[in-house]
């Protein structure tokens, strides 16, 4: 968990006027929480903060990676769209562009 990255993405979402819910528990009966839920696109966003770290993080070691796979599978089965974004994607604006593309697709599909 990297609070600075989450705060940066939250700032970007807020400035873009995108409604979001932080630390969203999408799967009833599980402790899993996604960093953000974007209701208008039924999108769950997970910030993968340790992808470029030299040390192991919750998302990059065996059991953590397995947990993330299960978490995403359960979200898909429940009808959500789970995505993961990395630190560099947040910093260069790619993460926000991805969220916006899901919102645009959702508005076209309605």
PDB file of N, CA and C in Angstrom:
ATOM      1  N   UNK A   1       0.855  -1.176   0.000  1.00  0.00           N
ATOM      2  CA  UNK A   1       0.000   0.000   0.000  1.00  0.00           C
ATOM      3  C   UNK A   1       0.897   1.234   0.000  1.00  0.00           C
ATOM      4  N   UNK A   2       0.655   2.111  -0.919  1.00  0.00           N
ATOM      5  CA  UNK A   2       1.416   3.341  -0.984  1.00  0.00           C
ATOM      6  C   UNK A   2       0.445   4.511  -0.916  1.00  0.00           C
ATOM      7  N   UNK A   3       0.320   5.067   0.264  1.00  0.00           N
ATOM      8  CA  UNK A   3      -0.667   6.142   0.477  1.00  0.00           C
ATOM      9  C   UNK A   3      -0.395   7.364  -0.391  1.00  0.00           C
ATOM     10  N   UNK A   4       0.881   7.677  -0.660  1.00  0.00           N
ATOM     11  CA  UNK A   4       1.183   8.843  -1.489  1.00  0.00           C
ATOM     12  C   UNK A   4       0.634   8.645  -2.898  1.00  0.00           C
ATOM     13  N   UNK A   5       0.797   7.448  -3.447  1.00  0.00           N
ATOM     14  CA  UNK A   5       0.279   7.172  -4.787  1.00  0.00           C
ATOM     15  C   UNK A   5      -1.239   7.222  -4.796  1.00  0.00           C
ATOM     16  N   UNK A   6      -1.856   6.627  -3.787  1.00  0.00           N
ATOM     17  CA  UNK A   6      -3.315   6.661  -3.697  1.00  0.00           C
ATOM     18  C   UNK A   6      -3.814   8.094  -3.577  1.00  0.00           C
ATOM     19  N   UNK A   7      -3.135   8.898  -2.773  1.00  0.00           N
ATOM     20  CA  UNK A   7      -3.531  10.302  -2.621  1.00  0.00           C
ATOM     21  C   UNK A   7      -3.382  11.054  -3.936  1.00  0.00           C
ATOM     22  N   UNK A   8      -2.332  10.750  -4.704  1.00  0.00           N
ATOM     23  CA  UNK A   8      -2.132  11.419  -5.989  1.00  0.00           C
ATOM     24  C   UNK A   8      -3.234  11.040  -6.978  1.00  0.00           C
ATOM     25  N   UNK A   9      -3.565   9.752  -7.044  1.00  0.00           N
ATOM     26  CA  UNK A   9      -4.637   9.340  -7.950  1.00  0.00           C
ATOM     27  C   UNK A   9      -5.971   9.927  -7.495  1.00  0.00           C
ATOM     28  N   UNK A  10      -6.199   9.968  -6.198  1.00  0.00           N
ATOM     29  CA  UNK A  10      -7.444  10.554  -5.702  1.00  0.00           C
ATOM     30  C   UNK A  10      -7.527  12.040  -6.068  1.00  0.00           C
ATOM     31  N   UNK A  11      -6.415  12.746  -5.974  1.00  0.00           N
ATOM     32  CA  UNK A  11      -6.392  14.158  -6.366  1.00  0.00           C
ATOM     33  C   UNK A  11      -6.752  14.297  -7.849  1.00  0.00           C
ATOM     34  N   UNK A  12      -6.179  13.448  -8.683  1.00  0.00           N
ATOM     35  CA  UNK A  12      -6.460  13.498 -10.115  1.00  0.00           C
ATOM     36  C   UNK A  12      -7.937  13.216 -10.401  1.00  0.00           C
ATOM     37  N   UNK A  13      -8.484  12.219  -9.733  1.00  0.00           N
ATOM     38  CA  UNK A  13      -9.901  11.890  -9.920  1.00  0.00           C
ATOM     39  C   UNK A  13     -10.790  13.047  -9.492  1.00  0.00           C
ATOM     40  N   UNK A  14     -10.470  13.625  -8.345  1.00  0.00           N
ATOM     41  CA  UNK A  14     -11.258  14.745  -7.817  1.00  0.00           C
ATOM     42  C   UNK A  14     -11.196  15.941  -8.775  1.00  0.00           C
ATOM     43  N   UNK A  15      -9.991  16.275  -9.247  1.00  0.00           N
ATOM     44  CA  UNK A  15      -9.838  17.413 -10.157  1.00  0.00           C
ATOM     45  C   UNK A  15     -10.550  17.173 -11.490  1.00  0.00           C
ATOM     46  N   UNK A  16     -10.654  15.905 -11.901  1.00  0.00           N
ATOM     47  CA  UNK A  16     -11.348  15.575 -13.143  1.00  0.00           C
ATOM     48  C   UNK A  16     -12.855  15.473 -12.939  1.00  0.00           C
ATOM     49  N   UNK A  17     -13.309  15.624 -11.684  1.00  0.00           N
ATOM     50  CA  UNK A  17     -14.739  15.556 -11.387  1.00  0.00           C
ATOM     51  C   UNK A  17     -15.295  14.139 -11.462  1.00  0.00           C
ATOM     52  N   UNK A  18     -14.447  13.149 -11.219  1.00  0.00           N
ATOM     53  CA  UNK A  18     -14.874  11.750 -11.298  1.00  0.00           C
ATOM     54  C   UNK A  18     -15.270  11.261  -9.911  1.00  0.00           C
ATOM     55  N   UNK A  19     -16.535  10.878  -9.782  1.00  0.00           N
ATOM     56  CA  UNK A  19     -17.024  10.350  -8.506  1.00  0.00           C
ATOM     57  C   UNK A  19     -16.302   9.040  -8.211  1.00  0.00           C
ATOM     58  N   UNK A  20     -15.837   8.902  -6.977  1.00  0.00           N
ATOM     59  CA  UNK A  20     -15.106   7.697  -6.598  1.00  0.00           C
ATOM     60  C   UNK A  20     -15.273   7.430  -5.102  1.00  0.00           C
ATOM     61  N   UNK A  21     -15.090   6.167  -4.749  1.00  0.00           N
ATOM     62  CA  UNK A  21     -15.174   5.752  -3.350  1.00  0.00           C
ATOM     63  C   UNK A  21     -13.839   5.107  -2.996  1.00  0.00           C
ATOM     64  N   UNK A  22     -13.100   5.664  -2.025  1.00  0.00           N
ATOM     65  CA  UNK A  22     -11.832   5.043  -1.642  1.00  0.00           C
ATOM     66  C   UNK A  22     -12.051   3.821  -0.741  1.00  0.00           C
ATOM     67  N   UNK A  23     -11.078   2.905  -0.796  1.00  0.00           N
ATOM     68  CA  UNK A  23     -11.066   1.703   0.052  1.00  0.00           C
ATOM     69  C   UNK A  23     -12.418   0.977   0.024  1.00  0.00           C
ATOM     70  N   UNK A  24     -12.814   0.591  -1.160  1.00  0.00           N
ATOM     71  CA  UNK A  24     -14.140  -0.001  -1.389  1.00  0.00           C
ATOM     72  C   UNK A  24     -14.097  -1.522  -1.232  1.00  0.00           C
ATOM     73  N   UNK A  25     -14.983  -2.038  -0.408  1.00  0.00           N
ATOM     74  CA  UNK A  25     -15.098  -3.487  -0.206  1.00  0.00           C
ATOM     75  C   UNK A  25     -16.227  -4.009  -1.095  1.00  0.00           C
ATOM     76  N   UNK A  26     -15.836  -4.573  -2.226  1.00  0.00           N
ATOM     77  CA  UNK A  26     -16.802  -4.999  -3.232  1.00  0.00           C
ATOM     78  C   UNK A  26     -17.353  -6.403  -2.987  1.00  0.00           C
ATOM     79  N   UNK A  27     -16.594  -7.242  -2.318  1.00  0.00           N
ATOM     80  CA  UNK A  27     -16.976  -8.639  -2.146  1.00  0.00           C
ATOM     81  C   UNK A  27     -17.434  -8.872  -0.704  1.00  0.00           C
ATOM     82  N   UNK A  28     -18.715  -9.080  -0.555  1.00  0.00           N
ATOM     83  CA  UNK A  28     -19.271  -9.289   0.777  1.00  0.00           C
ATOM     84  C   UNK A  28     -18.664 -10.540   1.415  1.00  0.00           C
ATOM     85  N   UNK A  29     -18.352 -10.443   2.685  1.00  0.00           N
ATOM     86  CA  UNK A  29     -17.785 -11.567   3.409  1.00  0.00           C
ATOM     87  C   UNK A  29     -16.281 -11.705   3.255  1.00  0.00           C
ATOM     88  N   UNK A  30     -15.649 -10.802   2.503  1.00  0.00           N
ATOM     89  CA  UNK A  30     -14.194 -10.818   2.321  1.00  0.00           C
ATOM     90  C   UNK A  30     -13.613  -9.510   2.831  1.00  0.00           C
ATOM     91  N   UNK A  31     -12.363  -9.561   3.267  1.00  0.00           N
ATOM     92  CA  UNK A  31     -11.695  -8.355   3.758  1.00  0.00           C
ATOM     93  C   UNK A  31     -11.095  -7.528   2.624  1.00  0.00           C
ATOM     94  N   UNK A  32     -11.135  -8.060   1.397  1.00  0.00           N
ATOM     95  CA  UNK A  32     -10.552  -7.348   0.260  1.00  0.00           C
ATOM     96  C   UNK A  32     -11.134  -5.952   0.115  1.00  0.00           C
ATOM     97  N   UNK A  33     -10.244  -4.995  -0.097  1.00  0.00           N
ATOM     98  CA  UNK A  33     -10.683  -3.639  -0.433  1.00  0.00           C
ATOM     99  C   UNK A  33      -9.878  -3.183  -1.640  1.00  0.00           C
ATOM    100  N   UNK A  34     -10.538  -2.548  -2.574  1.00  0.00           N
ATOM    101  CA  UNK A  34      -9.863  -1.935  -3.711  1.00  0.00           C
ATOM    102  C   UNK A  34      -9.586  -0.495  -3.344  1.00  0.00           C
ATOM    103  N   UNK A  35      -8.536   0.055  -3.892  1.00  0.00           N
ATOM    104  CA  UNK A  35      -8.159   1.417  -3.540  1.00  0.00           C
ATOM    105  C   UNK A  35      -9.237   2.418  -3.925  1.00  0.00           C
ATOM    106  N   UNK A  36      -9.894   2.178  -5.090  1.00  0.00           N
ATOM    107  CA  UNK A  36     -10.966   3.070  -5.519  1.00  0.00           C
ATOM    108  C   UNK A  36     -12.049   2.300  -6.264  1.00  0.00           C
ATOM    109  N   UNK A  37     -13.269   2.769  -6.107  1.00  0.00           N
ATOM    110  CA  UNK A  37     -14.404   2.290  -6.882  1.00  0.00           C
ATOM    111  C   UNK A  37     -14.959   3.484  -7.639  1.00  0.00           C
ATOM    112  N   UNK A  38     -15.131   3.324  -8.942  1.00  0.00           N
ATOM    113  CA  UNK A  38     -15.712   4.365  -9.787  1.00  0.00           C
ATOM    114  C   UNK A  38     -17.110   3.877 -10.163  1.00  0.00           C
ATOM    115  N   UNK A  39     -18.152   4.298  -9.437  1.00  0.00           N
ATOM    116  CA  UNK A  39     -19.502   3.758  -9.642  1.00  0.00           C
ATOM    117  C   UNK A  39     -20.039   3.897 -11.069  1.00  0.00           C
ATOM    118  N   UNK A  40     -19.780   5.013 -11.719  1.00  0.00           N
ATOM    119  CA  UNK A  40     -20.353   5.250 -13.044  1.00  0.00           C
ATOM    120  C   UNK A  40     -19.894   4.233 -14.085  1.00  0.00           C
ATOM    121  N   UNK A  41     -18.754   3.574 -13.834  1.00  0.00           N
ATOM    122  CA  UNK A  41     -18.246   2.570 -14.769  1.00  0.00           C
ATOM    123  C   UNK A  41     -18.165   1.188 -14.133  1.00  0.00           C
ATOM    124  N   UNK A  42     -18.621   1.065 -12.892  1.00  0.00           N
ATOM    125  CA  UNK A  42     -18.518  -0.189 -12.138  1.00  0.00           C
ATOM    126  C   UNK A  42     -17.070  -0.690 -12.118  1.00  0.00           C
ATOM    127  N   UNK A  43     -16.158   0.256 -11.971  1.00  0.00           N
ATOM    128  CA  UNK A  43     -14.722   0.019 -12.096  1.00  0.00           C
ATOM    129  C   UNK A  43     -14.055   0.000 -10.723  1.00  0.00           C
ATOM    130  N   UNK A  44     -13.255  -1.031 -10.475  1.00  0.00           N
ATOM    131  CA  UNK A  44     -12.452  -1.143  -9.263  1.00  0.00           C
ATOM    132  C   UNK A  44     -10.997  -0.885  -9.638  1.00  0.00           C
ATOM    133  N   UNK A  45     -10.342   0.011  -8.932  1.00  0.00           N
ATOM    134  CA  UNK A  45      -8.965   0.376  -9.250  1.00  0.00           C
ATOM    135  C   UNK A  45      -8.059   0.003  -8.085  1.00  0.00           C
ATOM    136  N   UNK A  46      -7.008  -0.745  -8.388  1.00  0.00           N
ATOM    137  CA  UNK A  46      -6.008  -1.121  -7.389  1.00  0.00           C
ATOM    138  C   UNK A  46      -4.684  -0.481  -7.777  1.00  0.00           C
ATOM    139  N   UNK A  47      -4.065   0.227  -6.833  1.00  0.00           N
ATOM    140  CA  UNK A  47      -2.761   0.850  -7.053  1.00  0.00           C
ATOM    141  C   UNK A  47      -1.686  -0.169  -6.689  1.00  0.00           C
ATOM    142  N   UNK A  48      -0.864  -0.521  -7.668  1.00  0.00           N
ATOM    143  CA  UNK A  48       0.238  -1.474  -7.473  1.00  0.00           C
ATOM    144  C   UNK A  48       1.512  -0.675  -7.224  1.00  0.00           C
ATOM    145  N   UNK A  49       1.728  -0.314  -5.984  1.00  0.00           N
ATOM    146  CA  UNK A  49       2.817   0.607  -5.662  1.00  0.00           C
ATOM    147  C   UNK A  49       4.210   0.037  -5.701  1.00  0.00           C
ATOM    148  N   UNK A  50       4.380  -1.263  -5.571  1.00  0.00           N
ATOM    149  CA  UNK A  50       5.730  -1.815  -5.452  1.00  0.00           C
ATOM    150  C   UNK A  50       6.280  -2.464  -6.696  1.00  0.00           C
ATOM    151  N   UNK A  51       5.762  -2.138  -7.845  1.00  0.00           N
ATOM    152  CA  UNK A  51       6.176  -2.840  -9.062  1.00  0.00           C
ATOM    153  C   UNK A  51       7.635  -2.591  -9.435  1.00  0.00           C
ATOM    154  N   UNK A  52       8.195  -1.457  -9.070  1.00  0.00           N
ATOM    155  CA  UNK A  52       9.579  -1.151  -9.412  1.00  0.00           C
ATOM    156  C   UNK A  52      10.482  -1.185  -8.172  1.00  0.00           C
ATOM    157  N   UNK A  53       9.986  -1.710  -7.076  1.00  0.00           N
ATOM    158  CA  UNK A  53      10.771  -1.746  -5.833  1.00  0.00           C
ATOM    159  C   UNK A  53      11.762  -2.909  -5.863  1.00  0.00           C
ATOM    160  N   UNK A  54      12.900  -2.734  -5.235  1.00  0.00           N
ATOM    161  CA  UNK A  54      13.898  -3.798  -5.152  1.00  0.00           C
ATOM    162  C   UNK A  54      13.523  -4.821  -4.093  1.00  0.00           C
ATOM    163  N   UNK A  55      12.632  -4.429  -3.198  1.00  0.00           N
ATOM    164  CA  UNK A  55      12.202  -5.358  -2.147  1.00  0.00           C
ATOM    165  C   UNK A  55      10.811  -5.893  -2.480  1.00  0.00           C
ATOM    166  N   UNK A  56      10.496  -7.012  -1.877  1.00  0.00           N
ATOM    167  CA  UNK A  56       9.179  -7.603  -2.118  1.00  0.00           C
ATOM    168  C   UNK A  56       8.104  -6.750  -1.463  1.00  0.00           C
ATOM    169  N   UNK A  57       6.959  -6.663  -2.130  1.00  0.00           N
ATOM    170  CA  UNK A  57       5.817  -5.953  -1.570  1.00  0.00           C
ATOM    171  C   UNK A  57       4.620  -6.890  -1.596  1.00  0.00           C
ATOM    172  N   UNK A  58       3.520  -6.465  -1.009  1.00  0.00           N
ATOM    173  CA  UNK A  58       2.319  -7.299  -0.918  1.00  0.00           C
ATOM    174  C   UNK A  58       1.829  -7.760  -2.288  1.00  0.00           C
ATOM    175  N   UNK A  59       2.077  -6.958  -3.321  1.00  0.00           N
ATOM    176  CA  UNK A  59       1.574  -7.315  -4.651  1.00  0.00           C
ATOM    177  C   UNK A  59       2.570  -8.126  -5.467  1.00  0.00           C
ATOM    178  N   UNK A  60       3.831  -8.214  -5.019  1.00  0.00           N
ATOM    179  CA  UNK A  60       4.839  -8.833  -5.875  1.00  0.00           C
ATOM    180  C   UNK A  60       5.421 -10.142  -5.346  1.00  0.00           C
ATOM    181  N   UNK A  61       5.019 -10.612  -4.200  1.00  0.00           N
ATOM    182  CA  UNK A  61       5.514 -11.900  -3.749  1.00  0.00           C
ATOM    183  C   UNK A  61       4.422 -12.947  -3.950  1.00  0.00           C
ATOM    184  N   UNK A  62       4.775 -14.215  -3.869  1.00  0.00           N
ATOM    185  CA  UNK A  62       3.883 -15.316  -4.220  1.00  0.00           C
ATOM    186  C   UNK A  62       2.479 -15.255  -3.651  1.00  0.00           C
ATOM    187  N   UNK A  63       2.362 -15.234  -2.338  1.00  0.00           N
ATOM    188  CA  UNK A  63       1.024 -15.254  -1.725  1.00  0.00           C
ATOM    189  C   UNK A  63       0.255 -13.964  -2.002  1.00  0.00           C
ATOM    190  N   UNK A  64       0.946 -12.836  -2.031  1.00  0.00           N
ATOM    191  CA  UNK A  64       0.283 -11.573  -2.329  1.00  0.00           C
ATOM    192  C   UNK A  64      -0.241 -11.541  -3.753  1.00  0.00           C
ATOM    193  N   UNK A  65       0.556 -12.056  -4.671  1.00  0.00           N
ATOM    194  CA  UNK A  65       0.121 -12.094  -6.067  1.00  0.00           C
ATOM    195  C   UNK A  65      -1.070 -13.036  -6.219  1.00  0.00           C
ATOM    196  N   UNK A  66      -1.003 -14.179  -5.547  1.00  0.00           N
ATOM    197  CA  UNK A  66      -2.129 -15.124  -5.578  1.00  0.00           C
ATOM    198  C   UNK A  66      -3.397 -14.469  -5.032  1.00  0.00           C
ATOM    199  N   UNK A  67      -3.264 -13.751  -3.909  1.00  0.00           N
ATOM    200  CA  UNK A  67      -4.410 -13.073  -3.311  1.00  0.00           C
ATOM    201  C   UNK A  67      -5.013 -12.061  -4.288  1.00  0.00           C
ATOM    202  N   UNK A  68      -4.150 -11.310  -4.971  1.00  0.00           N
ATOM    203  CA  UNK A  68      -4.639 -10.332  -5.950  1.00  0.00           C
ATOM    204  C   UNK A  68      -5.372 -11.022  -7.099  1.00  0.00           C
ATOM    205  N   UNK A  69      -4.860 -12.176  -7.541  1.00  0.00           N
ATOM    206  CA  UNK A  69      -5.534 -12.923  -8.615  1.00  0.00           C
ATOM    207  C   UNK A  69      -6.919 -13.367  -8.171  1.00  0.00           C
ATOM    208  N   UNK A  70      -7.016 -13.907  -6.970  1.00  0.00           N
ATOM    209  CA  UNK A  70      -8.310 -14.348  -6.443  1.00  0.00           C
ATOM    210  C   UNK A  70      -9.254 -13.155  -6.254  1.00  0.00           C
ATOM    211  N   UNK A  71      -8.727 -12.084  -5.729  1.00  0.00           N
ATOM    212  CA  UNK A  71      -9.515 -10.870  -5.505  1.00  0.00           C
ATOM    213  C   UNK A  71     -10.124 -10.382  -6.822  1.00  0.00           C
ATOM    214  N   UNK A  72      -9.318 -10.353  -7.884  1.00  0.00           N
ATOM    215  CA  UNK A  72      -9.809  -9.896  -9.184  1.00  0.00           C
ATOM    216  C   UNK A  72     -10.799 -10.874  -9.791  1.00  0.00           C
ATOM    217  N   UNK A  73     -10.562 -12.157  -9.637  1.00  0.00           N
ATOM    218  CA  UNK A  73     -11.495 -13.166 -10.132  1.00  0.00           C
ATOM    219  C   UNK A  73     -12.867 -12.996  -9.468  1.00  0.00           C
ATOM    220  N   UNK A  74     -12.876 -12.850  -8.156  1.00  0.00           N
ATOM    221  CA  UNK A  74     -14.140 -12.681  -7.433  1.00  0.00           C
ATOM    222  C   UNK A  74     -14.850 -11.395  -7.867  1.00  0.00           C
ATOM    223  N   UNK A  75     -14.084 -10.340  -8.115  1.00  0.00           N
ATOM    224  CA  UNK A  75     -14.685  -9.086  -8.574  1.00  0.00           C
ATOM    225  C   UNK A  75     -15.317  -9.267  -9.954  1.00  0.00           C
ATOM    226  N   UNK A  76     -14.622  -9.950 -10.847  1.00  0.00           N
ATOM    227  CA  UNK A  76     -15.177 -10.216 -12.178  1.00  0.00           C
ATOM    228  C   UNK A  76     -16.456 -11.036 -12.083  1.00  0.00           C
ATOM    229  N   UNK A  77     -16.451 -12.044 -11.243  1.00  0.00           N
ATOM    230  CA  UNK A  77     -17.627 -12.900 -11.070  1.00  0.00           C
ATOM    231  C   UNK A  77     -18.804 -12.116 -10.494  1.00  0.00           C
ATOM    232  N   UNK A  78     -18.499 -11.072  -9.734  1.00  0.00           N
ATOM    233  CA  UNK A  78     -19.551 -10.239  -9.145  1.00  0.00           C
ATOM    234  C   UNK A  78     -19.999  -9.127 -10.096  1.00  0.00           C
ATOM    235  N   UNK A  79     -19.412  -9.067 -11.285  1.00  0.00           N
ATOM    236  CA  UNK A  79     -19.844  -8.085 -12.279  1.00  0.00           C
ATOM    237  C   UNK A  79     -19.059  -6.784 -12.309  1.00  0.00           C
ATOM    238  N   UNK A  80     -17.980  -6.704 -11.549  1.00  0.00           N
ATOM    239  CA  UNK A  80     -17.146  -5.504 -11.539  1.00  0.00           C
ATOM    240  C   UNK A  80     -16.081  -5.586 -12.631  1.00  0.00           C
ATOM    241  N   UNK A  81     -15.441  -4.453 -12.888  1.00  0.00           N
ATOM    242  CA  UNK A  81     -14.316  -4.374 -13.814  1.00  0.00           C
ATOM    243  C   UNK A  81     -13.086  -3.978 -12.997  1.00  0.00           C
ATOM    244  N   UNK A  82     -12.286  -4.941 -12.559  1.00  0.00           N
ATOM    245  CA  UNK A  82     -11.100  -4.603 -11.775  1.00  0.00           C
ATOM    246  C   UNK A  82      -9.907  -4.287 -12.672  1.00  0.00           C
ATOM    247  N   UNK A  83      -9.196  -3.216 -12.347  1.00  0.00           N
ATOM    248  CA  UNK A  83      -7.961  -2.889 -13.054  1.00  0.00           C
ATOM    249  C   UNK A  83      -6.873  -2.563 -12.035  1.00  0.00           C
ATOM    250  N   UNK A  84      -5.639  -2.706 -12.461  1.00  0.00           N
ATOM    251  CA  UNK A  84      -4.494  -2.348 -11.627  1.00  0.00           C
ATOM    252  C   UNK A  84      -3.698  -1.278 -12.351  1.00  0.00           C
ATOM    253  N   UNK A  85      -3.200  -0.317 -11.598  1.00  0.00           N
ATOM    254  CA  UNK A  85      -2.361   0.735 -12.155  1.00  0.00           C
ATOM    255  C   UNK A  85      -1.078   0.829 -11.341  1.00  0.00           C
ATOM    256  N   UNK A  86      -0.008   1.216 -12.001  1.00  0.00           N
ATOM    257  CA  UNK A  86       1.292   1.318 -11.343  1.00  0.00           C
ATOM    258  C   UNK A  86       1.626   2.768 -11.032  1.00  0.00           C
ATOM    259  N   UNK A  87       2.689   2.949 -10.256  1.00  0.00           N
ATOM    260  CA  UNK A  87       3.117   4.288  -9.854  1.00  0.00           C
ATOM    261  C   UNK A  87       3.391   5.172 -11.065  1.00  0.00           C
ATOM    262  N   UNK A  88       4.108   4.638 -12.052  1.00  0.00           N
ATOM    263  CA  UNK A  88       4.426   5.466 -13.212  1.00  0.00           C
ATOM    264  C   UNK A  88       3.181   5.802 -14.022  1.00  0.00           C
ATOM    265  N   UNK A  89       2.178   4.922 -14.013  1.00  0.00           N
ATOM    266  CA  UNK A  89       0.916   5.197 -14.706  1.00  0.00           C
ATOM    267  C   UNK A  89       0.162   6.337 -14.024  1.00  0.00           C
ATOM    268  N   UNK A  90       0.271   6.407 -12.712  1.00  0.00           N
ATOM    269  CA  UNK A  90      -0.373   7.506 -11.975  1.00  0.00           C
ATOM    270  C   UNK A  90       0.382   8.802 -12.260  1.00  0.00           C
ATOM    271  N   UNK A  91       1.696   8.743 -12.148  1.00  0.00           N
ATOM    272  CA  UNK A  91       2.505   9.954 -12.304  1.00  0.00           C
ATOM    273  C   UNK A  91       2.404  10.570 -13.695  1.00  0.00           C
ATOM    274  N   UNK A  92       2.339   9.730 -14.742  1.00  0.00           N
ATOM    275  CA  UNK A  92       2.320  10.301 -16.100  1.00  0.00           C
ATOM    276  C   UNK A  92       0.903  10.509 -16.649  1.00  0.00           C
ATOM    277  N   UNK A  93      -0.123  10.240 -15.824  1.00  0.00           N
ATOM    278  CA  UNK A  93      -1.500  10.493 -16.231  1.00  0.00           C
ATOM    279  C   UNK A  93      -2.184   9.344 -16.945  1.00  0.00           C
ATOM    280  N   UNK A  94      -1.466   8.247 -17.178  1.00  0.00           N
ATOM    281  CA  UNK A  94      -2.049   7.093 -17.864  1.00  0.00           C
ATOM    282  C   UNK A  94      -3.217   6.503 -17.075  1.00  0.00           C
ATOM    283  N   UNK A  95      -3.071   6.409 -15.771  1.00  0.00           N
ATOM    284  CA  UNK A  95      -4.131   5.822 -14.940  1.00  0.00           C
ATOM    285  C   UNK A  95      -5.428   6.622 -15.089  1.00  0.00           C
ATOM    286  N   UNK A  96      -5.329   7.932 -15.044  1.00  0.00           N
ATOM    287  CA  UNK A  96      -6.515   8.776 -15.195  1.00  0.00           C
ATOM    288  C   UNK A  96      -7.116   8.609 -16.592  1.00  0.00           C
ATOM    289  N   UNK A  97      -6.270   8.531 -17.616  1.00  0.00           N
ATOM    290  CA  UNK A  97      -6.775   8.327 -18.980  1.00  0.00           C
ATOM    291  C   UNK A  97      -7.511   6.986 -19.101  1.00  0.00           C
ATOM    292  N   UNK A  98      -7.011   5.963 -18.433  1.00  0.00           N
ATOM    293  CA  UNK A  98      -7.668   4.657 -18.464  1.00  0.00           C
ATOM    294  C   UNK A  98      -9.049   4.752 -17.812  1.00  0.00           C
ATOM    295  N   UNK A  99      -9.121   5.378 -16.649  1.00  0.00           N
ATOM    296  CA  UNK A  99     -10.410   5.547 -15.967  1.00  0.00           C
ATOM    297  C   UNK A  99     -11.376   6.308 -16.865  1.00  0.00           C
ATOM    298  N   UNK A 100     -10.891   7.393 -17.471  1.00  0.00           N
ATOM    299  CA  UNK A 100     -11.745   8.180 -18.367  1.00  0.00           C
ATOM    300  C   UNK A 100     -12.224   7.355 -19.553  1.00  0.00           C
ATOM    301  N   UNK A 101     -11.364   6.471 -20.079  1.00  0.00           N
ATOM    302  CA  UNK A 101     -11.775   5.646 -21.228  1.00  0.00           C
ATOM    303  C   UNK A 101     -12.877   4.675 -20.836  1.00  0.00           C
ATOM    304  N   UNK A 102     -12.831   4.143 -19.618  1.00  0.00           N
ATOM    305  CA  UNK A 102     -13.917   3.280 -19.145  1.00  0.00           C
ATOM    306  C   UNK A 102     -15.210   4.084 -19.002  1.00  0.00           C
ATOM    307  N   UNK A 103     -15.107   5.292 -18.493  1.00  0.00           N
ATOM    308  CA  UNK A 103     -16.291   6.147 -18.341  1.00  0.00           C
ATOM    309  C   UNK A 103     -16.886   6.504 -19.694  1.00  0.00           C
ATOM    310  N   UNK A 104     -16.030   6.815 -20.667  1.00  0.00           N
ATOM    311  CA  UNK A 104     -16.519   7.129 -22.012  1.00  0.00           C
ATOM    312  C   UNK A 104     -17.206   5.931 -22.639  1.00  0.00           C
ATOM    313  N   UNK A 105     -16.614   4.752 -22.486  1.00  0.00           N
ATOM    314  CA  UNK A 105     -17.226   3.538 -23.042  1.00  0.00           C
ATOM    315  C   UNK A 105     -18.565   3.270 -22.369  1.00  0.00           C
ATOM    316  N   UNK A 106     -18.630   3.461 -21.081  1.00  0.00           N
ATOM    317  CA  UNK A 106     -19.885   3.228 -20.352  1.00  0.00           C
ATOM    318  C   UNK A 106     -20.978   4.176 -20.836  1.00  0.00           C
ATOM    319  N   UNK A 107     -20.608   5.442 -21.077  1.00  0.00           N
ATOM    320  CA  UNK A 107     -21.616   6.414 -21.517  1.00  0.00           C
ATOM    321  C   UNK A 107     -22.091   6.104 -22.938  1.00  0.00           C
ATOM    322  N   UNK A 108     -21.241   5.517 -23.767  1.00  0.00           N
ATOM    323  CA  UNK A 108     -21.640   5.133 -25.125  1.00  0.00           C
ATOM    324  C   UNK A 108     -22.517   3.888 -25.135  1.00  0.00           C
ATOM    325  N   UNK A 109     -22.272   3.001 -24.161  1.00  0.00           N
ATOM    326  CA  UNK A 109     -23.015   1.735 -24.103  1.00  0.00           C
ATOM    327  C   UNK A 109     -24.420   1.908 -23.529  1.00  0.00           C
ATOM    328  N   UNK A 110     -24.674   3.039 -22.876  1.00  0.00           N
ATOM    329  CA  UNK A 110     -25.977   3.256 -22.229  1.00  0.00           C
ATOM    330  C   UNK A 110     -27.038   3.640 -23.210  1.00  0.00           C
TER     331      UNK A 110
END
